Amino acid sequence: MNEKYHHILSVIDYKITEHKTTFVKVAGYDAVLEKEFEGEVKFLNGVPYGDLIHHQRSSLSPECRQFVQENLLNKYNEGKFE
């Protein structure tokens, strides 16, 4: 039985500061490493930042890190955090 799992990402909460910075708290599952994760990503002028998605500091697999970054950027661009 060789089932392939998929990455999972859930937005727990978000907050927009008076300086127009958006903080998004997330939780999910990294299917490559087979482990759950939590973290926060900051959007400043539409650009995502944070250790969770940083290519050198992230504890996620490269595939999951990219999945999280693309998913959050799409949600941000669609206005989901307004």
C-alpha atoms as a PDB file:
ATOM      1  CA  MET A   1       0.000   0.000   0.000  1.00  0.00           C
ATOM      2  CA  ASN A   2       1.808   3.084  -1.220  1.00  0.00           C
ATOM      3  CA  GLU A   3      -0.477   6.045  -0.623  1.00  0.00           C
ATOM      4  CA  LYS A   4       0.715   9.508  -1.496  1.00  0.00           C
ATOM      5  CA  TYR A   5      -0.182  12.194   1.011  1.00  0.00           C
ATOM      6  CA  HIS A   6      -0.650  15.844   0.200  1.00  0.00           C
ATOM      7  CA  HIS A   7       0.513  18.972   1.962  1.00  0.00           C
ATOM      8  CA  ILE A   8      -2.157  20.659   4.069  1.00  0.00           C
ATOM      9  CA  LEU A   9      -2.368  24.338   4.986  1.00  0.00           C
ATOM     10  CA  SER A  10      -4.938  26.012   7.223  1.00  0.00           C
ATOM     11  CA  VAL A  11      -5.113  29.685   8.063  1.00  0.00           C
ATOM     12  CA  ILE A  12      -5.716  29.951  11.811  1.00  0.00           C
ATOM     13  CA  ASP A  13      -5.957  33.734  12.092  1.00  0.00           C
ATOM     14  CA  TYR A  14      -4.710  36.962  10.577  1.00  0.00           C
ATOM     15  CA  LYS A  15      -4.264  40.540  11.688  1.00  0.00           C
ATOM     16  CA  ILE A  16      -3.610  43.784   9.835  1.00  0.00           C
ATOM     17  CA  THR A  17      -1.620  46.379  11.769  1.00  0.00           C
ATOM     18  CA  GLU A  18      -2.008  50.138  11.575  1.00  0.00           C
ATOM     19  CA  HIS A  19       1.119  50.167   9.376  1.00  0.00           C
ATOM     20  CA  LYS A  20      -0.615  47.998   6.726  1.00  0.00           C
ATOM     21  CA  THR A  21       1.395  44.882   7.611  1.00  0.00           C
ATOM     22  CA  THR A  22      -0.561  41.625   7.557  1.00  0.00           C
ATOM     23  CA  PHE A  23       0.370  38.784   9.912  1.00  0.00           C
ATOM     24  CA  VAL A  24      -1.055  35.359   9.046  1.00  0.00           C
ATOM     25  CA  LYS A  25      -0.929  32.462  11.528  1.00  0.00           C
ATOM     26  CA  VAL A  26      -1.020  29.045   9.855  1.00  0.00           C
ATOM     27  CA  ALA A  27      -0.906  25.352  10.673  1.00  0.00           C
ATOM     28  CA  GLY A  28      -0.513  22.408   8.364  1.00  0.00           C
ATOM     29  CA  TYR A  29       1.066  19.144   7.417  1.00  0.00           C
ATOM     30  CA  ASP A  30       4.315  18.571   5.499  1.00  0.00           C
ATOM     31  CA  ALA A  31       3.693  15.390   3.496  1.00  0.00           C
ATOM     32  CA  VAL A  32       7.365  14.913   2.625  1.00  0.00           C
ATOM     33  CA  LEU A  33       8.577  15.047   6.239  1.00  0.00           C
ATOM     34  CA  GLU A  34       5.319  13.533   7.523  1.00  0.00           C
ATOM     35  CA  LYS A  35       4.962  16.104  10.302  1.00  0.00           C
ATOM     36  CA  GLU A  36       2.613  18.856  11.381  1.00  0.00           C
ATOM     37  CA  PHE A  37       3.747  22.465  11.572  1.00  0.00           C
ATOM     38  CA  GLU A  38       2.651  25.890  12.808  1.00  0.00           C
ATOM     39  CA  GLY A  39       4.013  29.289  11.998  1.00  0.00           C
ATOM     40  CA  GLU A  40       3.443  32.869  10.994  1.00  0.00           C
ATOM     41  CA  VAL A  41       4.009  34.707   7.742  1.00  0.00           C
ATOM     42  CA  LYS A  42       4.131  38.485   7.438  1.00  0.00           C
ATOM     43  CA  PHE A  43       3.048  40.348   4.321  1.00  0.00           C
ATOM     44  CA  LEU A  44       4.661  43.727   3.789  1.00  0.00           C
ATOM     45  CA  ASN A  45       3.636  45.553   0.600  1.00  0.00           C
ATOM     46  CA  GLY A  46       2.328  42.264  -0.796  1.00  0.00           C
ATOM     47  CA  VAL A  47       5.573  40.362  -0.218  1.00  0.00           C
ATOM     48  CA  PRO A  48       5.569  37.372   2.193  1.00  0.00           C
ATOM     49  CA  TYR A  49       8.289  37.075   4.863  1.00  0.00           C
ATOM     50  CA  GLY A  50       9.040  34.673   7.701  1.00  0.00           C
ATOM     51  CA  ASP A  51      11.211  31.765   8.771  1.00  0.00           C
ATOM     52  CA  LEU A  52       8.473  29.322   7.787  1.00  0.00           C
ATOM     53  CA  ILE A  53       8.914  30.173   4.092  1.00  0.00           C
ATOM     54  CA  HIS A  54      12.572  31.295   4.115  1.00  0.00           C
ATOM     55  CA  HIS A  55      14.591  28.990   1.855  1.00  0.00           C
ATOM     56  CA  GLN A  56      17.420  28.602   4.396  1.00  0.00           C
ATOM     57  CA  ARG A  57      15.623  28.901   7.749  1.00  0.00           C
ATOM     58  CA  SER A  58      12.452  26.911   7.124  1.00  0.00           C
ATOM     59  CA  SER A  59      11.957  23.614   8.925  1.00  0.00           C
ATOM     60  CA  LEU A  60       9.665  22.490   6.084  1.00  0.00           C
ATOM     61  CA  SER A  61      10.641  20.387   3.107  1.00  0.00           C
ATOM     62  CA  PRO A  62      11.403  22.496   0.017  1.00  0.00           C
ATOM     63  CA  GLU A  63       8.218  21.235  -1.652  1.00  0.00           C
ATOM     64  CA  CYS A  64       6.025  22.121   1.318  1.00  0.00           C
ATOM     65  CA  ARG A  65       7.728  25.486   1.809  1.00  0.00           C
ATOM     66  CA  GLN A  66       6.932  26.370  -1.796  1.00  0.00           C
ATOM     67  CA  PHE A  67       3.355  25.070  -1.406  1.00  0.00           C
ATOM     68  CA  VAL A  68       2.811  27.244   1.686  1.00  0.00           C
ATOM     69  CA  GLN A  69       4.327  30.342   0.087  1.00  0.00           C
ATOM     70  CA  GLU A  70       2.329  30.008  -3.155  1.00  0.00           C
ATOM     71  CA  ASN A  71      -0.908  29.199  -1.334  1.00  0.00           C
ATOM     72  CA  LEU A  72      -0.634  32.187   1.019  1.00  0.00           C
ATOM     73  CA  LEU A  73       0.409  34.542  -1.771  1.00  0.00           C
ATOM     74  CA  ASN A  74      -2.613  33.471  -3.822  1.00  0.00           C
ATOM     75  CA  LYS A  75      -4.937  34.041  -0.845  1.00  0.00           C
ATOM     76  CA  TYR A  76      -3.364  37.443  -0.201  1.00  0.00           C
ATOM     77  CA  ASN A  77      -3.718  38.493  -3.857  1.00  0.00           C
ATOM     78  CA  GLU A  78      -7.357  37.332  -3.846  1.00  0.00           C
ATOM     79  CA  GLY A  79      -8.065  39.657  -0.897  1.00  0.00           C
ATOM     80  CA  LYS A  80      -8.701  36.905   1.645  1.00  0.00           C
ATOM     81  CA  PHE A  81      -6.857  38.828   4.383  1.00  0.00           C
ATOM     82  CA  GLU A  82      -8.703  42.138   4.193  1.00  0.00           C
END
